[in-house]
Amino acid sequence: MPLHNALLDVTADFSEIFEKQRRDFGGAHRIGNEIRTLSKQGVAMLEFGDMTAAENCEKKIKELWKQLYDLSLPEDIRWQFDSENGQEMVEFIIVKQLFPYLDPSADLVRIDSLPSYENLQVTRQTWMAGLGDVVGELSKLQLRRLCDPNLDRKQRLALRRRFVEIAETIRGALGQFETAYPIVVNNSRRRGFFNTFRGVLVRMDNLIERHLDAIATMLDQSAR
């Protein structure tokens, strides 16, 4: 029957391609889990001051990202793996680069470049989403530093100011896209306002405000 032959002509390679995508789908989940685990381990190494271990985590994450990038996945679900895992990678790499500058004695001017989206092989949206998460992770690391009983009041105030300086710089860079491209730059299809690009910016605003409030309280106390 001509229709049967016509269908066979179109679908001849479907089974082979779908079978590979089925296998790679499972591999994508495994890789994603490993990337997230390594990211958490890397942040812990930063906290412990083990930069060599953090570097090794970054190296492994990049290797896994290359493996994920090379998988054959259905296009209608590939975005989820690429955006979520790419975002995790971008976040960790930039956190690792910026973390040393939470030290108030470090020269912030020396931060003159960041890994580009092209260098990391992610989309512009994924890169921006990863950068948006950096502030939250740096805030956690900074708060752990503030728990150090050996820090005096001057050091604690300087540490908070340095965090705000970094956070406001990132917020300002991302904020220029807030009203012009709110839908285009949204990197998540998950429900909820805080999964949108604007939601990420609001989270940053809340963190910055919290640290500014703490700074103001410390200055008020010293003025009495």
C-alpha atoms as a PDB file:
ATOM      1  CA  MET A   1       0.000   0.000   0.000  1.00  0.00           C
ATOM      2  CA  PRO A   2       1.529   3.354  -1.003  1.00  0.00           C
ATOM      3  CA  LEU A   3       0.620   5.029   2.331  1.00  0.00           C
ATOM      4  CA  HIS A   4       2.308   2.242   4.279  1.00  0.00           C
ATOM      5  CA  ASN A   5       5.486   2.626   2.269  1.00  0.00           C
ATOM      6  CA  ALA A   6       5.336   6.398   2.638  1.00  0.00           C
ATOM      7  CA  LEU A   7       5.080   6.066   6.428  1.00  0.00           C
ATOM      8  CA  LEU A   8       7.994   3.639   6.496  1.00  0.00           C
ATOM      9  CA  ASP A   9      10.084   6.074   4.502  1.00  0.00           C
ATOM     10  CA  VAL A  10       9.503   8.781   7.094  1.00  0.00           C
ATOM     11  CA  THR A  11       9.796   6.653  10.257  1.00  0.00           C
ATOM     12  CA  ALA A  12      12.536   4.233   9.224  1.00  0.00           C
ATOM     13  CA  ASP A  13      15.075   5.599  11.719  1.00  0.00           C
ATOM     14  CA  PHE A  14      12.651   6.543  14.512  1.00  0.00           C
ATOM     15  CA  SER A  15      13.154   3.413  16.618  1.00  0.00           C
ATOM     16  CA  GLU A  16      16.927   3.676  16.574  1.00  0.00           C
ATOM     17  CA  ILE A  17      16.893   7.377  17.476  1.00  0.00           C
ATOM     18  CA  PHE A  18      14.218   6.980  20.159  1.00  0.00           C
ATOM     19  CA  GLU A  19      16.077   4.075  21.761  1.00  0.00           C
ATOM     20  CA  LYS A  20      19.248   6.165  22.013  1.00  0.00           C
ATOM     21  CA  GLN A  21      17.291   9.076  23.469  1.00  0.00           C
ATOM     22  CA  ARG A  22      15.658   6.735  25.989  1.00  0.00           C
ATOM     23  CA  ARG A  23      19.077   5.582  27.188  1.00  0.00           C
ATOM     24  CA  ASP A  24      20.478   9.105  27.190  1.00  0.00           C
ATOM     25  CA  PHE A  25      17.463  10.370  29.151  1.00  0.00           C
ATOM     26  CA  GLY A  26      18.499   8.191  32.076  1.00  0.00           C
ATOM     27  CA  GLY A  27      22.089   9.317  31.673  1.00  0.00           C
ATOM     28  CA  ALA A  28      20.999  12.962  31.786  1.00  0.00           C
ATOM     29  CA  HIS A  29      19.318  12.438  35.153  1.00  0.00           C
ATOM     30  CA  ARG A  30      22.461  10.771  36.509  1.00  0.00           C
ATOM     31  CA  ILE A  31      24.706  13.568  35.252  1.00  0.00           C
ATOM     32  CA  GLY A  32      22.389  16.206  36.655  1.00  0.00           C
ATOM     33  CA  ASN A  33      22.469  14.590  40.085  1.00  0.00           C
ATOM     34  CA  GLU A  34      26.266  14.437  39.981  1.00  0.00           C
ATOM     35  CA  ILE A  35      26.549  18.107  38.966  1.00  0.00           C
ATOM     36  CA  ARG A  36      24.318  19.205  41.841  1.00  0.00           C
ATOM     37  CA  THR A  37      26.232  17.038  44.319  1.00  0.00           C
ATOM     38  CA  LEU A  38      29.593  18.372  43.162  1.00  0.00           C
ATOM     39  CA  SER A  39      28.305  21.935  43.346  1.00  0.00           C
ATOM     40  CA  LYS A  40      27.300  21.467  46.990  1.00  0.00           C
ATOM     41  CA  GLN A  41      30.606  19.773  47.764  1.00  0.00           C
ATOM     42  CA  GLY A  42      32.485  22.585  46.062  1.00  0.00           C
ATOM     43  CA  VAL A  43      30.733  25.244  48.148  1.00  0.00           C
ATOM     44  CA  ALA A  44      31.570  23.270  51.292  1.00  0.00           C
ATOM     45  CA  MET A  45      35.221  23.172  50.220  1.00  0.00           C
ATOM     46  CA  LEU A  46      35.179  26.954  49.782  1.00  0.00           C
ATOM     47  CA  GLU A  47      33.863  27.307  53.312  1.00  0.00           C
ATOM     48  CA  PHE A  48      36.639  25.059  54.620  1.00  0.00           C
ATOM     49  CA  GLY A  49      39.222  27.046  52.673  1.00  0.00           C
ATOM     50  CA  ASP A  50      40.241  24.105  50.480  1.00  0.00           C
ATOM     51  CA  MET A  51      40.578  25.840  47.113  1.00  0.00           C
ATOM     52  CA  THR A  52      42.287  22.834  45.522  1.00  0.00           C
ATOM     53  CA  ALA A  53      39.267  20.632  46.239  1.00  0.00           C
ATOM     54  CA  ALA A  54      36.952  23.383  44.976  1.00  0.00           C
ATOM     55  CA  GLU A  55      38.981  23.576  41.758  1.00  0.00           C
ATOM     56  CA  ASN A  56      38.645  19.812  41.324  1.00  0.00           C
ATOM     57  CA  CYS A  57      34.878  20.090  41.753  1.00  0.00           C
ATOM     58  CA  GLU A  58      34.737  22.741  39.046  1.00  0.00           C
ATOM     59  CA  LYS A  59      36.816  20.582  36.707  1.00  0.00           C
ATOM     60  CA  LYS A  60      34.528  17.566  37.214  1.00  0.00           C
ATOM     61  CA  ILE A  61      31.395  19.681  36.755  1.00  0.00           C
ATOM     62  CA  LYS A  62      32.695  20.992  33.432  1.00  0.00           C
ATOM     63  CA  GLU A  63      33.493  17.441  32.312  1.00  0.00           C
ATOM     64  CA  LEU A  64      29.982  16.296  33.235  1.00  0.00           C
ATOM     65  CA  TRP A  65      28.456  19.286  31.466  1.00  0.00           C
ATOM     66  CA  LYS A  66      30.315  18.298  28.292  1.00  0.00           C
ATOM     67  CA  GLN A  67      28.896  14.774  28.632  1.00  0.00           C
ATOM     68  CA  LEU A  68      25.384  16.173  29.087  1.00  0.00           C
ATOM     69  CA  TYR A  69      25.866  18.533  26.161  1.00  0.00           C
ATOM     70  CA  ASP A  70      26.751  15.592  23.908  1.00  0.00           C
ATOM     71  CA  LEU A  71      23.729  13.460  24.824  1.00  0.00           C
ATOM     72  CA  SER A  72      20.911  12.918  22.360  1.00  0.00           C
ATOM     73  CA  LEU A  73      17.796  14.207  24.110  1.00  0.00           C
ATOM     74  CA  PRO A  74      14.345  15.127  22.765  1.00  0.00           C
ATOM     75  CA  GLU A  75      14.358  18.848  22.069  1.00  0.00           C
ATOM     76  CA  ASP A  76      11.099  19.436  23.928  1.00  0.00           C
ATOM     77  CA  ILE A  77      12.675  18.314  27.233  1.00  0.00           C
ATOM     78  CA  ARG A  78      16.337  19.123  26.627  1.00  0.00           C
ATOM     79  CA  TRP A  79      15.838  22.708  27.803  1.00  0.00           C
ATOM     80  CA  GLN A  80      15.091  21.441  31.319  1.00  0.00           C
ATOM     81  CA  PHE A  81      18.352  19.528  31.656  1.00  0.00           C
ATOM     82  CA  ASP A  82      20.391  22.269  29.990  1.00  0.00           C
ATOM     83  CA  SER A  83      18.906  25.158  31.955  1.00  0.00           C
ATOM     84  CA  GLU A  84      18.837  23.562  35.414  1.00  0.00           C
ATOM     85  CA  ASN A  85      22.266  21.924  35.271  1.00  0.00           C
ATOM     86  CA  GLY A  86      23.873  24.744  33.335  1.00  0.00           C
ATOM     87  CA  GLN A  87      22.530  27.198  35.889  1.00  0.00           C
ATOM     88  CA  GLU A  88      24.009  25.104  38.718  1.00  0.00           C
ATOM     89  CA  MET A  89      27.386  25.060  36.969  1.00  0.00           C
ATOM     90  CA  VAL A  90      27.423  28.805  36.297  1.00  0.00           C
ATOM     91  CA  GLU A  91      26.399  29.561  39.875  1.00  0.00           C
ATOM     92  CA  PHE A  92      29.177  27.478  41.424  1.00  0.00           C
ATOM     93  CA  ILE A  93      31.921  28.716  39.107  1.00  0.00           C
ATOM     94  CA  ILE A  94      31.094  32.381  39.749  1.00  0.00           C
ATOM     95  CA  VAL A  95      30.646  31.806  43.499  1.00  0.00           C
ATOM     96  CA  LYS A  96      34.089  30.198  43.568  1.00  0.00           C
ATOM     97  CA  GLN A  97      35.554  33.190  41.772  1.00  0.00           C
ATOM     98  CA  LEU A  98      33.852  35.827  43.960  1.00  0.00           C
ATOM     99  CA  PHE A  99      34.062  34.118  47.352  1.00  0.00           C
ATOM    100  CA  PRO A 100      37.641  35.236  48.132  1.00  0.00           C
ATOM    101  CA  TYR A 101      36.530  38.860  47.745  1.00  0.00           C
ATOM    102  CA  LEU A 102      34.107  38.565  50.646  1.00  0.00           C
ATOM    103  CA  ASP A 103      37.269  39.179  52.624  1.00  0.00           C
ATOM    104  CA  PRO A 104      37.157  42.964  53.181  1.00  0.00           C
ATOM    105  CA  SER A 105      40.942  43.132  52.830  1.00  0.00           C
ATOM    106  CA  ALA A 106      40.717  41.841  49.244  1.00  0.00           C
ATOM    107  CA  ASP A 107      40.722  44.366  46.430  1.00  0.00           C
ATOM    108  CA  LEU A 108      37.326  44.218  44.711  1.00  0.00           C
ATOM    109  CA  VAL A 109      38.702  46.118  41.707  1.00  0.00           C
ATOM    110  CA  ARG A 110      40.627  42.971  40.743  1.00  0.00           C
ATOM    111  CA  ILE A 111      37.375  41.276  39.649  1.00  0.00           C
ATOM    112  CA  ASP A 112      37.703  42.387  36.034  1.00  0.00           C
ATOM    113  CA  SER A 113      36.295  39.366  34.190  1.00  0.00           C
ATOM    114  CA  LEU A 114      33.904  36.455  34.582  1.00  0.00           C
ATOM    115  CA  PRO A 115      33.561  33.245  32.527  1.00  0.00           C
ATOM    116  CA  SER A 116      31.272  34.033  29.599  1.00  0.00           C
ATOM    117  CA  TYR A 117      28.210  32.064  28.537  1.00  0.00           C
ATOM    118  CA  GLU A 118      30.113  31.109  25.397  1.00  0.00           C
ATOM    119  CA  ASN A 119      33.073  29.811  27.359  1.00  0.00           C
ATOM    120  CA  LEU A 120      30.778  27.690  29.530  1.00  0.00           C
ATOM    121  CA  GLN A 121      28.628  26.596  26.554  1.00  0.00           C
ATOM    122  CA  VAL A 122      25.326  27.719  28.043  1.00  0.00           C
ATOM    123  CA  THR A 123      22.623  30.073  26.803  1.00  0.00           C
ATOM    124  CA  ARG A 124      22.568  33.718  27.786  1.00  0.00           C
ATOM    125  CA  GLN A 125      19.455  33.051  29.870  1.00  0.00           C
ATOM    126  CA  THR A 126      21.078  30.161  31.714  1.00  0.00           C
ATOM    127  CA  TRP A 127      24.153  32.263  32.448  1.00  0.00           C
ATOM    128  CA  MET A 128      22.005  35.067  33.861  1.00  0.00           C
ATOM    129  CA  ALA A 129      19.980  32.642  35.979  1.00  0.00           C
ATOM    130  CA  GLY A 130      23.183  31.198  37.420  1.00  0.00           C
ATOM    131  CA  LEU A 131      24.484  34.677  38.202  1.00  0.00           C
ATOM    132  CA  GLY A 132      21.177  35.487  39.882  1.00  0.00           C
ATOM    133  CA  ASP A 133      21.638  32.574  42.286  1.00  0.00           C
ATOM    134  CA  VAL A 134      25.178  33.632  43.167  1.00  0.00           C
ATOM    135  CA  VAL A 135      24.013  36.326  45.593  1.00  0.00           C
ATOM    136  CA  GLY A 136      22.010  33.862  47.685  1.00  0.00           C
ATOM    137  CA  GLU A 137      24.917  31.417  47.935  1.00  0.00           C
ATOM    138  CA  LEU A 138      27.401  34.157  48.805  1.00  0.00           C
ATOM    139  CA  SER A 139      25.012  35.381  51.490  1.00  0.00           C
ATOM    140  CA  LYS A 140      25.017  31.944  53.112  1.00  0.00           C
ATOM    141  CA  LEU A 141      28.812  31.754  53.014  1.00  0.00           C
ATOM    142  CA  GLN A 142      29.110  35.272  54.391  1.00  0.00           C
ATOM    143  CA  LEU A 143      26.737  34.558  57.273  1.00  0.00           C
ATOM    144  CA  ARG A 144      28.834  31.545  58.212  1.00  0.00           C
ATOM    145  CA  ARG A 145      31.872  33.814  58.320  1.00  0.00           C
ATOM    146  CA  LEU A 146      29.977  36.218  60.554  1.00  0.00           C
ATOM    147  CA  CYS A 147      29.527  33.381  63.048  1.00  0.00           C
ATOM    148  CA  ASP A 148      33.275  33.435  63.660  1.00  0.00           C
ATOM    149  CA  PRO A 149      33.630  34.638  67.289  1.00  0.00           C
ATOM    150  CA  ASN A 150      37.119  35.938  66.523  1.00  0.00           C
ATOM    151  CA  LEU A 151      35.817  38.696  64.255  1.00  0.00           C
ATOM    152  CA  ASP A 152      35.691  42.086  65.933  1.00  0.00           C
ATOM    153  CA  ARG A 153      32.971  44.645  65.312  1.00  0.00           C
ATOM    154  CA  LYS A 154      34.962  46.532  62.671  1.00  0.00           C
ATOM    155  CA  GLN A 155      35.639  43.344  60.709  1.00  0.00           C
ATOM    156  CA  ARG A 156      32.000  42.289  60.883  1.00  0.00           C
ATOM    157  CA  LEU A 157      30.844  45.648  59.595  1.00  0.00           C
ATOM    158  CA  ALA A 158      33.396  45.556  56.777  1.00  0.00           C
ATOM    159  CA  LEU A 159      32.331  42.029  55.842  1.00  0.00           C
ATOM    160  CA  ARG A 160      28.685  43.037  55.546  1.00  0.00           C
ATOM    161  CA  ARG A 161      29.611  46.064  53.479  1.00  0.00           C
ATOM    162  CA  ARG A 162      31.687  43.983  51.110  1.00  0.00           C
ATOM    163  CA  PHE A 163      28.809  41.550  50.571  1.00  0.00           C
ATOM    164  CA  VAL A 164      26.413  44.419  49.835  1.00  0.00           C
ATOM    165  CA  GLU A 165      28.938  45.896  47.411  1.00  0.00           C
ATOM    166  CA  ILE A 166      29.149  42.636  45.459  1.00  0.00           C
ATOM    167  CA  ALA A 167      25.397  41.929  45.640  1.00  0.00           C
ATOM    168  CA  GLU A 168      24.387  45.406  44.491  1.00  0.00           C
ATOM    169  CA  THR A 169      26.810  45.213  41.569  1.00  0.00           C
ATOM    170  CA  ILE A 170      25.256  41.929  40.413  1.00  0.00           C
ATOM    171  CA  ARG A 171      21.731  43.260  41.019  1.00  0.00           C
ATOM    172  CA  GLY A 172      22.478  46.356  38.968  1.00  0.00           C
ATOM    173  CA  ALA A 173      23.846  44.320  36.062  1.00  0.00           C
ATOM    174  CA  LEU A 174      20.815  42.014  35.952  1.00  0.00           C
ATOM    175  CA  GLY A 175      18.305  44.757  36.696  1.00  0.00           C
ATOM    176  CA  GLN A 176      18.775  46.420  33.322  1.00  0.00           C
ATOM    177  CA  PHE A 177      16.889  43.497  31.731  1.00  0.00           C
ATOM    178  CA  GLU A 178      14.016  43.429  34.228  1.00  0.00           C
ATOM    179  CA  THR A 179      11.454  45.503  32.338  1.00  0.00           C
ATOM    180  CA  ALA A 180      12.658  45.107  28.759  1.00  0.00           C
ATOM    181  CA  TYR A 181      12.898  41.302  28.548  1.00  0.00           C
ATOM    182  CA  PRO A 182      11.045  39.759  31.537  1.00  0.00           C
ATOM    183  CA  ILE A 183       9.614  36.856  29.531  1.00  0.00           C
ATOM    184  CA  VAL A 184      12.563  36.264  27.230  1.00  0.00           C
ATOM    185  CA  VAL A 185      15.083  35.971  30.060  1.00  0.00           C
ATOM    186  CA  ASN A 186      12.892  33.794  32.273  1.00  0.00           C
ATOM    187  CA  ASN A 187      14.935  30.600  32.586  1.00  0.00           C
ATOM    188  CA  SER A 188      12.348  28.476  34.375  1.00  0.00           C
ATOM    189  CA  ARG A 189       9.003  26.967  33.458  1.00  0.00           C
ATOM    190  CA  ARG A 190       8.304  26.090  37.070  1.00  0.00           C
ATOM    191  CA  ARG A 191       5.301  27.697  38.648  1.00  0.00           C
ATOM    192  CA  GLY A 192       5.605  30.465  41.187  1.00  0.00           C
ATOM    193  CA  PHE A 193       6.778  34.060  41.105  1.00  0.00           C
ATOM    194  CA  PHE A 194      10.157  33.334  42.664  1.00  0.00           C
ATOM    195  CA  ASN A 195      11.011  31.029  39.752  1.00  0.00           C
ATOM    196  CA  THR A 196      10.726  33.942  37.332  1.00  0.00           C
ATOM    197  CA  PHE A 197      13.518  36.357  36.475  1.00  0.00           C
ATOM    198  CA  ARG A 198      11.801  39.128  38.394  1.00  0.00           C
ATOM    199  CA  GLY A 199      11.411  36.774  41.328  1.00  0.00           C
ATOM    200  CA  VAL A 200      15.177  36.205  41.358  1.00  0.00           C
ATOM    201  CA  LEU A 201      15.724  39.959  41.477  1.00  0.00           C
ATOM    202  CA  VAL A 202      13.256  40.341  44.345  1.00  0.00           C
ATOM    203  CA  ARG A 203      15.134  37.660  46.311  1.00  0.00           C
ATOM    204  CA  MET A 204      18.331  39.628  45.785  1.00  0.00           C
ATOM    205  CA  ASP A 205      16.625  42.845  46.888  1.00  0.00           C
ATOM    206  CA  ASN A 206      15.444  41.141  50.078  1.00  0.00           C
ATOM    207  CA  LEU A 207      18.942  39.858  50.885  1.00  0.00           C
ATOM    208  CA  ILE A 208      20.542  43.231  50.233  1.00  0.00           C
ATOM    209  CA  GLU A 209      17.936  44.984  52.372  1.00  0.00           C
ATOM    210  CA  ARG A 210      18.519  42.544  55.218  1.00  0.00           C
ATOM    211  CA  HIS A 211      22.259  43.189  55.234  1.00  0.00           C
ATOM    212  CA  LEU A 212      21.797  46.954  54.883  1.00  0.00           C
ATOM    213  CA  ASP A 213      19.457  46.865  57.860  1.00  0.00           C
ATOM    214  CA  ALA A 214      22.117  45.040  59.884  1.00  0.00           C
ATOM    215  CA  ILE A 215      24.725  47.629  58.845  1.00  0.00           C
ATOM    216  CA  ALA A 216      22.418  50.489  59.818  1.00  0.00           C
ATOM    217  CA  THR A 217      21.769  48.877  63.204  1.00  0.00           C
ATOM    218  CA  MET A 218      25.492  48.541  63.880  1.00  0.00           C
ATOM    219  CA  LEU A 219      26.111  52.171  62.917  1.00  0.00           C
ATOM    220  CA  ASP A 220      23.204  53.355  65.065  1.00  0.00           C
ATOM    221  CA  GLN A 221      24.639  51.514  68.036  1.00  0.00           C
ATOM    222  CA  SER A 222      28.063  53.081  67.552  1.00  0.00           C
ATOM    223  CA  ALA A 223      26.536  56.559  67.270  1.00  0.00           C
ATOM    224  CA  ARG A 224      24.952  56.371  70.725  1.00  0.00           C
END
